[in-house]
């Protein structure tokens, strides 16, 4: 006889509490650093925490009351977008600061142009900071963090209505199906790896790799140490695709800016034109290099059977989670 839905839900939510209780405090703590605006890396750390929340929340959505879940999920989704925009600008600022510090291969006029670019991007980043802070304040004002914390803590106290289910018991088949769907999505982009001009597909592939990696982190306690090696490989793929995306953002922004500048009554500043041309050449070369790395990495992942192995592991998950491997006892 199949177990009742509520009883299975209780076991499932206990596991969810163990995972999310480790993730949401990082998100909450980074908000204070982001609001101060003194540590650029805080944006990155908070964005990573928000992504892990966004990966875990849908998995355990049925543990929340429906209206509560929609409120929490919507708030996290909105701030993740602004955090991503801020991070893109921080990456560009760091790149230009490095270029100007090295002065390698840049003539004086191009250096002046890069300085103008840096000034403009810093201004855009400063203009975005109040919106990021406002998003943080809105989360606090609406009580979203407290609401999430209260709900997650309540799950820890349950193990099904009958109180007989063990906290470590988990519906492994559900995890397997979710992982397989993520693998299917990522593998569907395989033909686009051979197309250097498939910018949008490469961006979507980056998102698919990220979602697979974070989902495996959610379920990692079910599968043992072998999965940790796989997570490192997926992180490497995600980083290459991320570097590719950073180059694409640069190239797109520069091409659009160049069109705008040429429409000015006085034309484009010669120094700015040289600076843009230098950065555009450099980022296009970096994109070619990262695209080559993507092809090599993807071929290696396919040849070594990584995705087949993930499917095998997903089908062999533990129904009972060993304490040593539980989400609360291992740092991801």
C-alpha atoms as a PDB file:
ATOM      1  CA  UNK A   1       0.000   0.000   0.000  1.00  0.00           C
ATOM      2  CA  UNK A   2       1.391   3.393  -1.006  1.00  0.00           C
ATOM      3  CA  UNK A   3       2.184   5.876   1.741  1.00  0.00           C
ATOM      4  CA  UNK A   4      -0.085   8.843   2.189  1.00  0.00           C
ATOM      5  CA  UNK A   5       0.952  12.068   0.490  1.00  0.00           C
ATOM      6  CA  UNK A   6       1.194  14.018   3.757  1.00  0.00           C
ATOM      7  CA  UNK A   7       3.509  11.467   5.295  1.00  0.00           C
ATOM      8  CA  UNK A   8       5.844  11.541   2.291  1.00  0.00           C
ATOM      9  CA  UNK A   9       5.696  15.322   2.333  1.00  0.00           C
ATOM     10  CA  UNK A  10       6.838  15.387   5.942  1.00  0.00           C
ATOM     11  CA  UNK A  11       9.922  13.298   5.182  1.00  0.00           C
ATOM     12  CA  UNK A  12      10.661  15.339   2.085  1.00  0.00           C
ATOM     13  CA  UNK A  13      10.375  18.659   3.924  1.00  0.00           C
ATOM     14  CA  UNK A  14      12.664  17.573   6.749  1.00  0.00           C
ATOM     15  CA  UNK A  15      15.351  17.002   4.122  1.00  0.00           C
ATOM     16  CA  UNK A  16      14.509  20.366   2.567  1.00  0.00           C
ATOM     17  CA  UNK A  17      14.931  22.085   5.905  1.00  0.00           C
ATOM     18  CA  UNK A  18      18.378  20.578   6.326  1.00  0.00           C
ATOM     19  CA  UNK A  19      19.494  21.889   2.935  1.00  0.00           C
ATOM     20  CA  UNK A  20      17.853  25.325   2.960  1.00  0.00           C
ATOM     21  CA  UNK A  21      18.888  26.014   6.559  1.00  0.00           C
ATOM     22  CA  UNK A  22      22.455  26.090   5.309  1.00  0.00           C
ATOM     23  CA  UNK A  23      21.738  28.221   2.240  1.00  0.00           C
ATOM     24  CA  UNK A  24      19.414  31.027   3.320  1.00  0.00           C
ATOM     25  CA  UNK A  25      21.639  32.313   6.205  1.00  0.00           C
ATOM     26  CA  UNK A  26      24.415  32.982   3.667  1.00  0.00           C
ATOM     27  CA  UNK A  27      21.983  34.958   1.533  1.00  0.00           C
ATOM     28  CA  UNK A  28      20.748  36.911   4.573  1.00  0.00           C
ATOM     29  CA  UNK A  29      24.245  37.663   5.895  1.00  0.00           C
ATOM     30  CA  UNK A  30      25.557  38.896   2.536  1.00  0.00           C
ATOM     31  CA  UNK A  31      22.713  41.426   2.303  1.00  0.00           C
ATOM     32  CA  UNK A  32      24.375  43.599   4.937  1.00  0.00           C
ATOM     33  CA  UNK A  33      27.641  43.702   2.981  1.00  0.00           C
ATOM     34  CA  UNK A  34      25.834  44.464  -0.265  1.00  0.00           C
ATOM     35  CA  UNK A  35      23.942  47.332   1.326  1.00  0.00           C
ATOM     36  CA  UNK A  36      27.213  48.893   2.491  1.00  0.00           C
ATOM     37  CA  UNK A  37      28.565  48.700  -1.065  1.00  0.00           C
ATOM     38  CA  UNK A  38      32.193  48.499   0.100  1.00  0.00           C
ATOM     39  CA  UNK A  39      32.957  44.929  -0.948  1.00  0.00           C
ATOM     40  CA  UNK A  40      32.340  44.163  -4.642  1.00  0.00           C
ATOM     41  CA  UNK A  41      32.664  40.445  -3.936  1.00  0.00           C
ATOM     42  CA  UNK A  42      29.608  40.639  -1.667  1.00  0.00           C
ATOM     43  CA  UNK A  43      27.484  41.056  -4.790  1.00  0.00           C
ATOM     44  CA  UNK A  44      28.954  37.851  -6.199  1.00  0.00           C
ATOM     45  CA  UNK A  45      28.530  35.927  -2.945  1.00  0.00           C
ATOM     46  CA  UNK A  46      24.936  37.079  -2.513  1.00  0.00           C
ATOM     47  CA  UNK A  47      24.135  36.255  -6.130  1.00  0.00           C
ATOM     48  CA  UNK A  48      25.544  32.731  -5.706  1.00  0.00           C
ATOM     49  CA  UNK A  49      23.510  32.325  -2.510  1.00  0.00           C
ATOM     50  CA  UNK A  50      20.403  33.583  -4.300  1.00  0.00           C
ATOM     51  CA  UNK A  51      20.967  31.089  -7.105  1.00  0.00           C
ATOM     52  CA  UNK A  52      21.247  28.243  -4.632  1.00  0.00           C
ATOM     53  CA  UNK A  53      18.031  29.416  -3.032  1.00  0.00           C
ATOM     54  CA  UNK A  54      16.352  29.597  -6.427  1.00  0.00           C
ATOM     55  CA  UNK A  55      17.566  26.057  -7.151  1.00  0.00           C
ATOM     56  CA  UNK A  56      16.317  24.688  -3.838  1.00  0.00           C
ATOM     57  CA  UNK A  57      13.050  26.560  -3.355  1.00  0.00           C
ATOM     58  CA  UNK A  58      11.201  25.023  -6.347  1.00  0.00           C
ATOM     59  CA  UNK A  59      12.316  21.545  -5.281  1.00  0.00           C
ATOM     60  CA  UNK A  60      10.670  22.023  -1.901  1.00  0.00           C
ATOM     61  CA  UNK A  61       7.816  24.274  -3.061  1.00  0.00           C
ATOM     62  CA  UNK A  62       5.126  21.901  -1.815  1.00  0.00           C
ATOM     63  CA  UNK A  63       6.476  22.268   1.721  1.00  0.00           C
ATOM     64  CA  UNK A  64       5.343  25.920   1.776  1.00  0.00           C
ATOM     65  CA  UNK A  65       1.768  27.196   1.814  1.00  0.00           C
ATOM     66  CA  UNK A  66       1.143  28.231  -1.849  1.00  0.00           C
ATOM     67  CA  UNK A  67       0.828  31.977  -1.207  1.00  0.00           C
ATOM     68  CA  UNK A  68       3.909  31.956   1.014  1.00  0.00           C
ATOM     69  CA  UNK A  69       5.956  30.192  -1.641  1.00  0.00           C
ATOM     70  CA  UNK A  70       4.928  32.668  -4.332  1.00  0.00           C
ATOM     71  CA  UNK A  71       5.857  35.604  -2.116  1.00  0.00           C
ATOM     72  CA  UNK A  72       9.270  34.199  -1.197  1.00  0.00           C
ATOM     73  CA  UNK A  73      10.122  32.960  -4.684  1.00  0.00           C
ATOM     74  CA  UNK A  74       9.115  36.238  -6.333  1.00  0.00           C
ATOM     75  CA  UNK A  75      11.211  38.315  -3.949  1.00  0.00           C
ATOM     76  CA  UNK A  76      14.330  36.185  -4.439  1.00  0.00           C
ATOM     77  CA  UNK A  77      13.870  36.165  -8.217  1.00  0.00           C
ATOM     78  CA  UNK A  78      13.652  39.968  -8.458  1.00  0.00           C
ATOM     79  CA  UNK A  79      16.804  40.651  -6.473  1.00  0.00           C
ATOM     80  CA  UNK A  80      18.780  37.979  -8.350  1.00  0.00           C
ATOM     81  CA  UNK A  81      18.275  39.905 -11.610  1.00  0.00           C
ATOM     82  CA  UNK A  82      19.678  43.149 -10.159  1.00  0.00           C
ATOM     83  CA  UNK A  83      22.539  41.293  -8.496  1.00  0.00           C
ATOM     84  CA  UNK A  84      23.442  39.815 -11.879  1.00  0.00           C
ATOM     85  CA  UNK A  85      23.445  43.226 -13.562  1.00  0.00           C
ATOM     86  CA  UNK A  86      25.653  44.642 -10.794  1.00  0.00           C
ATOM     87  CA  UNK A  87      28.039  41.714 -11.035  1.00  0.00           C
ATOM     88  CA  UNK A  88      28.418  42.147 -14.812  1.00  0.00           C
ATOM     89  CA  UNK A  89      29.451  45.773 -14.257  1.00  0.00           C
ATOM     90  CA  UNK A  90      31.857  44.806 -11.462  1.00  0.00           C
ATOM     91  CA  UNK A  91      33.516  42.288 -13.811  1.00  0.00           C
ATOM     92  CA  UNK A  92      33.949  44.982 -16.463  1.00  0.00           C
ATOM     93  CA  UNK A  93      35.371  47.430 -13.921  1.00  0.00           C
ATOM     94  CA  UNK A  94      37.897  44.864 -12.681  1.00  0.00           C
ATOM     95  CA  UNK A  95      38.911  44.079 -16.253  1.00  0.00           C
ATOM     96  CA  UNK A  96      39.500  47.733 -17.181  1.00  0.00           C
ATOM     97  CA  UNK A  97      41.372  48.416 -13.956  1.00  0.00           C
ATOM     98  CA  UNK A  98      43.676  45.506 -14.784  1.00  0.00           C
ATOM     99  CA  UNK A  99      44.225  46.750 -18.327  1.00  0.00           C
ATOM    100  CA  UNK A 100      45.073  50.246 -17.148  1.00  0.00           C
ATOM    101  CA  UNK A 101      47.399  48.943 -14.429  1.00  0.00           C
ATOM    102  CA  UNK A 102      49.348  46.842 -16.953  1.00  0.00           C
ATOM    103  CA  UNK A 103      49.378  49.309 -19.892  1.00  0.00           C
ATOM    104  CA  UNK A 104      50.400  46.323 -22.010  1.00  0.00           C
ATOM    105  CA  UNK A 105      49.967  46.883 -25.722  1.00  0.00           C
ATOM    106  CA  UNK A 106      48.014  50.124 -25.314  1.00  0.00           C
ATOM    107  CA  UNK A 107      49.107  53.464 -26.701  1.00  0.00           C
ATOM    108  CA  UNK A 108      48.421  56.675 -24.804  1.00  0.00           C
ATOM    109  CA  UNK A 109      45.252  57.533 -26.694  1.00  0.00           C
ATOM    110  CA  UNK A 110      43.777  54.050 -26.189  1.00  0.00           C
ATOM    111  CA  UNK A 111      44.676  54.278 -22.498  1.00  0.00           C
ATOM    112  CA  UNK A 112      42.736  57.542 -22.288  1.00  0.00           C
ATOM    113  CA  UNK A 113      39.817  55.842 -24.018  1.00  0.00           C
ATOM    114  CA  UNK A 114      39.860  52.950 -21.538  1.00  0.00           C
ATOM    115  CA  UNK A 115      39.899  55.502 -18.726  1.00  0.00           C
ATOM    116  CA  UNK A 116      36.769  57.125 -20.181  1.00  0.00           C
ATOM    117  CA  UNK A 117      35.105  53.707 -20.468  1.00  0.00           C
ATOM    118  CA  UNK A 118      36.017  52.901 -16.875  1.00  0.00           C
ATOM    119  CA  UNK A 119      34.558  56.186 -15.658  1.00  0.00           C
ATOM    120  CA  UNK A 120      31.289  55.534 -17.487  1.00  0.00           C
ATOM    121  CA  UNK A 121      30.928  51.979 -16.226  1.00  0.00           C
ATOM    122  CA  UNK A 122      31.673  53.060 -12.669  1.00  0.00           C
ATOM    123  CA  UNK A 123      28.918  55.660 -13.014  1.00  0.00           C
ATOM    124  CA  UNK A 124      26.472  52.996 -14.203  1.00  0.00           C
ATOM    125  CA  UNK A 125      27.464  50.750 -11.308  1.00  0.00           C
ATOM    126  CA  UNK A 126      27.001  53.560  -8.788  1.00  0.00           C
ATOM    127  CA  UNK A 127      23.593  54.338 -10.296  1.00  0.00           C
ATOM    128  CA  UNK A 128      22.562  50.698  -9.892  1.00  0.00           C
ATOM    129  CA  UNK A 129      23.610  50.419  -6.243  1.00  0.00           C
ATOM    130  CA  UNK A 130      20.529  52.261  -4.840  1.00  0.00           C
ATOM    131  CA  UNK A 131      18.271  49.809  -6.696  1.00  0.00           C
ATOM    132  CA  UNK A 132      20.142  46.838  -5.237  1.00  0.00           C
ATOM    133  CA  UNK A 133      19.889  48.367  -1.758  1.00  0.00           C
ATOM    134  CA  UNK A 134      16.194  49.075  -2.309  1.00  0.00           C
ATOM    135  CA  UNK A 135      15.682  45.408  -3.260  1.00  0.00           C
ATOM    136  CA  UNK A 136      17.370  44.342  -0.013  1.00  0.00           C
ATOM    137  CA  UNK A 137      15.246  46.760   1.994  1.00  0.00           C
ATOM    138  CA  UNK A 138      12.111  45.511   0.262  1.00  0.00           C
ATOM    139  CA  UNK A 139      12.918  41.910   1.189  1.00  0.00           C
ATOM    140  CA  UNK A 140      13.283  42.977   4.819  1.00  0.00           C
ATOM    141  CA  UNK A 141      10.229  45.249   4.804  1.00  0.00           C
ATOM    142  CA  UNK A 142       8.036  42.488   3.378  1.00  0.00           C
ATOM    143  CA  UNK A 143       9.474  40.069   5.934  1.00  0.00           C
ATOM    144  CA  UNK A 144      10.455  37.587   3.229  1.00  0.00           C
ATOM    145  CA  UNK A 145      13.633  36.389   4.951  1.00  0.00           C
ATOM    146  CA  UNK A 146      11.860  35.980   8.309  1.00  0.00           C
ATOM    147  CA  UNK A 147       8.937  34.253   6.581  1.00  0.00           C
ATOM    148  CA  UNK A 148      11.270  31.820   4.857  1.00  0.00           C
ATOM    149  CA  UNK A 149      13.173  31.152   8.083  1.00  0.00           C
ATOM    150  CA  UNK A 150       9.997  30.535  10.081  1.00  0.00           C
ATOM    151  CA  UNK A 151       8.626  28.069   7.542  1.00  0.00           C
ATOM    152  CA  UNK A 152      11.871  26.162   7.117  1.00  0.00           C
ATOM    153  CA  UNK A 153      12.369  25.861  10.876  1.00  0.00           C
ATOM    154  CA  UNK A 154       8.864  24.424  11.216  1.00  0.00           C
ATOM    155  CA  UNK A 155       9.736  21.604   8.794  1.00  0.00           C
ATOM    156  CA  UNK A 156      12.535  20.383  11.045  1.00  0.00           C
ATOM    157  CA  UNK A 157       9.993  19.559  13.723  1.00  0.00           C
ATOM    158  CA  UNK A 158       7.995  17.230  11.533  1.00  0.00           C
ATOM    159  CA  UNK A 159       8.659  13.808  10.087  1.00  0.00           C
ATOM    160  CA  UNK A 160       5.194  13.126   8.729  1.00  0.00           C
ATOM    161  CA  UNK A 161       1.882  13.305  10.570  1.00  0.00           C
ATOM    162  CA  UNK A 162       2.362   9.831  12.012  1.00  0.00           C
ATOM    163  CA  UNK A 163       5.711  10.880  13.579  1.00  0.00           C
ATOM    164  CA  UNK A 164       7.092   7.518  12.465  1.00  0.00           C
ATOM    165  CA  UNK A 165       9.015   8.571   9.353  1.00  0.00           C
ATOM    166  CA  UNK A 166      12.757   8.984   9.728  1.00  0.00           C
ATOM    167  CA  UNK A 167      14.289  12.401   8.885  1.00  0.00           C
ATOM    168  CA  UNK A 168      16.797  10.728   6.571  1.00  0.00           C
ATOM    169  CA  UNK A 169      14.216   8.978   4.401  1.00  0.00           C
ATOM    170  CA  UNK A 170      13.807  10.606   0.989  1.00  0.00           C
ATOM    171  CA  UNK A 171      11.815   9.936  -2.221  1.00  0.00           C
ATOM    172  CA  UNK A 172      14.825   8.989  -4.347  1.00  0.00           C
ATOM    173  CA  UNK A 173      12.794   8.450  -7.518  1.00  0.00           C
ATOM    174  CA  UNK A 174      11.722  12.095  -7.447  1.00  0.00           C
ATOM    175  CA  UNK A 175      15.362  13.211  -7.272  1.00  0.00           C
ATOM    176  CA  UNK A 176      16.346  10.899 -10.124  1.00  0.00           C
ATOM    177  CA  UNK A 177      13.670  12.247 -12.460  1.00  0.00           C
ATOM    178  CA  UNK A 178      14.552  15.865 -11.692  1.00  0.00           C
ATOM    179  CA  UNK A 179      18.260  15.250 -12.340  1.00  0.00           C
ATOM    180  CA  UNK A 180      17.574  13.430 -15.602  1.00  0.00           C
ATOM    181  CA  UNK A 181      15.458  16.325 -16.856  1.00  0.00           C
ATOM    182  CA  UNK A 182      18.311  18.754 -16.143  1.00  0.00           C
ATOM    183  CA  UNK A 183      20.797  16.509 -17.970  1.00  0.00           C
ATOM    184  CA  UNK A 184      18.465  16.291 -20.975  1.00  0.00           C
ATOM    185  CA  UNK A 185      18.249  20.095 -21.095  1.00  0.00           C
ATOM    186  CA  UNK A 186      22.019  20.543 -20.976  1.00  0.00           C
ATOM    187  CA  UNK A 187      22.770  17.808 -23.521  1.00  0.00           C
ATOM    188  CA  UNK A 188      20.273  19.337 -25.954  1.00  0.00           C
ATOM    189  CA  UNK A 189      22.762  22.174 -26.493  1.00  0.00           C
ATOM    190  CA  UNK A 190      25.518  19.792 -27.619  1.00  0.00           C
ATOM    191  CA  UNK A 191      25.172  20.666 -31.361  1.00  0.00           C
ATOM    192  CA  UNK A 192      25.579  24.361 -30.507  1.00  0.00           C
ATOM    193  CA  UNK A 193      28.990  23.693 -28.988  1.00  0.00           C
ATOM    194  CA  UNK A 194      30.241  23.304 -32.553  1.00  0.00           C
ATOM    195  CA  UNK A 195      28.875  26.721 -33.584  1.00  0.00           C
ATOM    196  CA  UNK A 196      31.114  29.626 -32.492  1.00  0.00           C
ATOM    197  CA  UNK A 197      28.396  32.140 -33.356  1.00  0.00           C
ATOM    198  CA  UNK A 198      25.662  30.579 -31.208  1.00  0.00           C
ATOM    199  CA  UNK A 199      25.868  33.294 -28.559  1.00  0.00           C
ATOM    200  CA  UNK A 200      22.321  32.909 -27.236  1.00  0.00           C
ATOM    201  CA  UNK A 201      22.610  29.118 -27.121  1.00  0.00           C
ATOM    202  CA  UNK A 202      25.904  29.320 -25.231  1.00  0.00           C
ATOM    203  CA  UNK A 203      24.258  31.651 -22.711  1.00  0.00           C
ATOM    204  CA  UNK A 204      21.330  29.236 -22.320  1.00  0.00           C
ATOM    205  CA  UNK A 205      23.799  26.375 -21.972  1.00  0.00           C
ATOM    206  CA  UNK A 206      25.523  28.231 -19.131  1.00  0.00           C
ATOM    207  CA  UNK A 207      22.193  28.522 -17.334  1.00  0.00           C
ATOM    208  CA  UNK A 208      21.447  24.830 -17.938  1.00  0.00           C
ATOM    209  CA  UNK A 209      24.858  23.804 -16.543  1.00  0.00           C
ATOM    210  CA  UNK A 210      24.327  26.024 -13.521  1.00  0.00           C
ATOM    211  CA  UNK A 211      20.876  24.573 -12.838  1.00  0.00           C
ATOM    212  CA  UNK A 212      22.142  21.001 -13.110  1.00  0.00           C
ATOM    213  CA  UNK A 213      25.045  21.702 -10.789  1.00  0.00           C
ATOM    214  CA  UNK A 214      22.906  23.398  -8.145  1.00  0.00           C
ATOM    215  CA  UNK A 215      20.249  20.699  -8.341  1.00  0.00           C
ATOM    216  CA  UNK A 216      22.903  18.049  -7.762  1.00  0.00           C
ATOM    217  CA  UNK A 217      24.036  20.048  -4.733  1.00  0.00           C
ATOM    218  CA  UNK A 218      20.476  19.972  -3.391  1.00  0.00           C
ATOM    219  CA  UNK A 219      20.382  16.177  -3.703  1.00  0.00           C
ATOM    220  CA  UNK A 220      24.075  15.522  -3.002  1.00  0.00           C
ATOM    221  CA  UNK A 221      23.477  13.800   0.343  1.00  0.00           C
ATOM    222  CA  UNK A 222      21.753  10.945  -1.440  1.00  0.00           C
ATOM    223  CA  UNK A 223      24.681   9.913  -3.598  1.00  0.00           C
ATOM    224  CA  UNK A 224      27.997   9.874  -1.756  1.00  0.00           C
ATOM    225  CA  UNK A 225      31.457  11.198  -2.471  1.00  0.00           C
ATOM    226  CA  UNK A 226      31.626  10.304  -6.170  1.00  0.00           C
ATOM    227  CA  UNK A 227      29.175  13.105  -6.905  1.00  0.00           C
ATOM    228  CA  UNK A 228      31.594  15.680  -5.463  1.00  0.00           C
ATOM    229  CA  UNK A 229      34.061  15.012  -8.299  1.00  0.00           C
ATOM    230  CA  UNK A 230      31.252  15.442 -10.812  1.00  0.00           C
ATOM    231  CA  UNK A 231      30.260  18.746  -9.212  1.00  0.00           C
ATOM    232  CA  UNK A 232      33.821  20.002  -9.706  1.00  0.00           C
ATOM    233  CA  UNK A 233      33.671  19.095 -13.397  1.00  0.00           C
ATOM    234  CA  UNK A 234      30.352  20.866 -13.825  1.00  0.00           C
ATOM    235  CA  UNK A 235      31.739  23.919 -12.038  1.00  0.00           C
ATOM    236  CA  UNK A 236      34.613  23.988 -14.534  1.00  0.00           C
ATOM    237  CA  UNK A 237      32.149  23.849 -17.451  1.00  0.00           C
ATOM    238  CA  UNK A 238      30.046  26.573 -15.863  1.00  0.00           C
ATOM    239  CA  UNK A 239      33.117  28.794 -15.403  1.00  0.00           C
ATOM    240  CA  UNK A 240      34.137  28.452 -19.054  1.00  0.00           C
ATOM    241  CA  UNK A 241      30.617  29.276 -20.192  1.00  0.00           C
ATOM    242  CA  UNK A 242      30.561  32.170 -17.723  1.00  0.00           C
ATOM    243  CA  UNK A 243      33.789  33.605 -19.138  1.00  0.00           C
ATOM    244  CA  UNK A 244      32.327  33.214 -22.616  1.00  0.00           C
ATOM    245  CA  UNK A 245      29.232  35.114 -21.486  1.00  0.00           C
ATOM    246  CA  UNK A 246      31.335  37.913 -19.970  1.00  0.00           C
ATOM    247  CA  UNK A 247      33.043  38.364 -23.337  1.00  0.00           C
ATOM    248  CA  UNK A 248      29.695  38.388 -25.124  1.00  0.00           C
ATOM    249  CA  UNK A 249      28.361  41.051 -22.748  1.00  0.00           C
ATOM    250  CA  UNK A 250      31.428  43.187 -23.433  1.00  0.00           C
ATOM    251  CA  UNK A 251      31.169  42.776 -27.199  1.00  0.00           C
ATOM    252  CA  UNK A 252      27.440  43.541 -27.281  1.00  0.00           C
ATOM    253  CA  UNK A 253      27.780  46.575 -24.994  1.00  0.00           C
ATOM    254  CA  UNK A 254      30.699  47.999 -26.985  1.00  0.00           C
ATOM    255  CA  UNK A 255      28.999  47.580 -30.357  1.00  0.00           C
ATOM    256  CA  UNK A 256      25.852  49.293 -29.071  1.00  0.00           C
ATOM    257  CA  UNK A 257      27.874  52.086 -27.431  1.00  0.00           C
ATOM    258  CA  UNK A 258      29.852  52.654 -30.622  1.00  0.00           C
ATOM    259  CA  UNK A 259      26.629  53.128 -32.602  1.00  0.00           C
ATOM    260  CA  UNK A 260      25.345  55.630 -30.037  1.00  0.00           C
ATOM    261  CA  UNK A 261      28.618  57.555 -29.966  1.00  0.00           C
ATOM    262  CA  UNK A 262      28.717  57.891 -33.740  1.00  0.00           C
ATOM    263  CA  UNK A 263      25.282  59.524 -33.666  1.00  0.00           C
ATOM    264  CA  UNK A 264      26.587  62.374 -31.509  1.00  0.00           C
ATOM    265  CA  UNK A 265      26.684  65.748 -33.304  1.00  0.00           C
ATOM    266  CA  UNK A 266      30.424  66.054 -32.799  1.00  0.00           C
ATOM    267  CA  UNK A 267      31.150  62.429 -33.624  1.00  0.00           C
ATOM    268  CA  UNK A 268      33.047  60.018 -31.412  1.00  0.00           C
ATOM    269  CA  UNK A 269      35.938  61.126 -29.234  1.00  0.00           C
ATOM    270  CA  UNK A 270      39.112  59.747 -30.948  1.00  0.00           C
ATOM    271  CA  UNK A 271      40.535  58.496 -27.648  1.00  0.00           C
ATOM    272  CA  UNK A 272      37.275  56.752 -26.760  1.00  0.00           C
ATOM    273  CA  UNK A 273      37.159  55.199 -30.229  1.00  0.00           C
ATOM    274  CA  UNK A 274      40.679  53.804 -29.759  1.00  0.00           C
ATOM    275  CA  UNK A 275      39.886  52.544 -26.282  1.00  0.00           C
ATOM    276  CA  UNK A 276      36.744  50.800 -27.501  1.00  0.00           C
ATOM    277  CA  UNK A 277      38.598  49.272 -30.433  1.00  0.00           C
ATOM    278  CA  UNK A 278      41.311  47.919 -28.140  1.00  0.00           C
ATOM    279  CA  UNK A 279      38.837  46.374 -25.691  1.00  0.00           C
ATOM    280  CA  UNK A 280      36.736  44.953 -28.524  1.00  0.00           C
ATOM    281  CA  UNK A 281      39.769  43.240 -30.090  1.00  0.00           C
ATOM    282  CA  UNK A 282      40.871  41.916 -26.719  1.00  0.00           C
ATOM    283  CA  UNK A 283      37.441  40.570 -25.760  1.00  0.00           C
ATOM    284  CA  UNK A 284      36.932  38.962 -29.156  1.00  0.00           C
ATOM    285  CA  UNK A 285      40.261  37.181 -28.771  1.00  0.00           C
ATOM    286  CA  UNK A 286      39.297  36.109 -25.237  1.00  0.00           C
ATOM    287  CA  UNK A 287      36.019  34.787 -26.595  1.00  0.00           C
ATOM    288  CA  UNK A 288      37.818  32.710 -29.211  1.00  0.00           C
ATOM    289  CA  UNK A 289      40.092  31.302 -26.514  1.00  0.00           C
ATOM    290  CA  UNK A 290      37.182  30.472 -24.215  1.00  0.00           C
ATOM    291  CA  UNK A 291      35.197  28.965 -27.075  1.00  0.00           C
ATOM    292  CA  UNK A 292      38.138  26.666 -27.812  1.00  0.00           C
ATOM    293  CA  UNK A 293      38.195  25.674 -24.123  1.00  0.00           C
ATOM    294  CA  UNK A 294      34.449  25.005 -24.255  1.00  0.00           C
ATOM    295  CA  UNK A 295      34.827  22.627 -27.205  1.00  0.00           C
ATOM    296  CA  UNK A 296      37.694  20.800 -25.500  1.00  0.00           C
ATOM    297  CA  UNK A 297      35.912  20.559 -22.150  1.00  0.00           C
ATOM    298  CA  UNK A 298      32.619  19.412 -23.660  1.00  0.00           C
ATOM    299  CA  UNK A 299      34.342  16.735 -25.758  1.00  0.00           C
ATOM    300  CA  UNK A 300      36.156  15.494 -22.673  1.00  0.00           C
ATOM    301  CA  UNK A 301      32.932  15.369 -20.641  1.00  0.00           C
ATOM    302  CA  UNK A 302      31.170  13.418 -23.383  1.00  0.00           C
ATOM    303  CA  UNK A 303      34.115  11.077 -24.009  1.00  0.00           C
ATOM    304  CA  UNK A 304      34.484  10.232 -20.325  1.00  0.00           C
ATOM    305  CA  UNK A 305      30.754   9.498 -20.079  1.00  0.00           C
ATOM    306  CA  UNK A 306      30.106  12.068 -17.364  1.00  0.00           C
ATOM    307  CA  UNK A 307      26.415  12.531 -18.109  1.00  0.00           C
ATOM    308  CA  UNK A 308      25.830   8.789 -18.410  1.00  0.00           C
ATOM    309  CA  UNK A 309      27.542   8.368 -15.039  1.00  0.00           C
ATOM    310  CA  UNK A 310      25.360  11.045 -13.438  1.00  0.00           C
ATOM    311  CA  UNK A 311      22.283   9.138 -14.631  1.00  0.00           C
ATOM    312  CA  UNK A 312      23.691   5.929 -13.147  1.00  0.00           C
ATOM    313  CA  UNK A 313      24.397   7.585  -9.811  1.00  0.00           C
ATOM    314  CA  UNK A 314      20.966   9.235  -9.758  1.00  0.00           C
ATOM    315  CA  UNK A 315      19.384   5.804 -10.122  1.00  0.00           C
ATOM    316  CA  UNK A 316      21.331   4.446  -7.147  1.00  0.00           C
ATOM    317  CA  UNK A 317      20.468   7.049  -4.542  1.00  0.00           C
ATOM    318  CA  UNK A 318      20.139   6.269  -0.867  1.00  0.00           C
ATOM    319  CA  UNK A 319      16.690   6.154   0.672  1.00  0.00           C
ATOM    320  CA  UNK A 320      18.302   6.904   4.015  1.00  0.00           C
ATOM    321  CA  UNK A 321      20.762   9.785   4.231  1.00  0.00           C
ATOM    322  CA  UNK A 322      23.913   8.992   6.271  1.00  0.00           C
ATOM    323  CA  UNK A 323      24.561  11.731   8.873  1.00  0.00           C
ATOM    324  CA  UNK A 324      28.143  12.204   7.644  1.00  0.00           C
ATOM    325  CA  UNK A 325      26.828  13.118   4.185  1.00  0.00           C
ATOM    326  CA  UNK A 326      23.820  15.169   5.230  1.00  0.00           C
ATOM    327  CA  UNK A 327      23.468  18.708   3.816  1.00  0.00           C
ATOM    328  CA  UNK A 328      24.082  20.181   7.245  1.00  0.00           C
ATOM    329  CA  UNK A 329      27.450  18.455   7.666  1.00  0.00           C
ATOM    330  CA  UNK A 330      29.256  19.200   4.435  1.00  0.00           C
ATOM    331  CA  UNK A 331      30.302  22.485   2.885  1.00  0.00           C
ATOM    332  CA  UNK A 332      29.478  22.995  -0.790  1.00  0.00           C
END
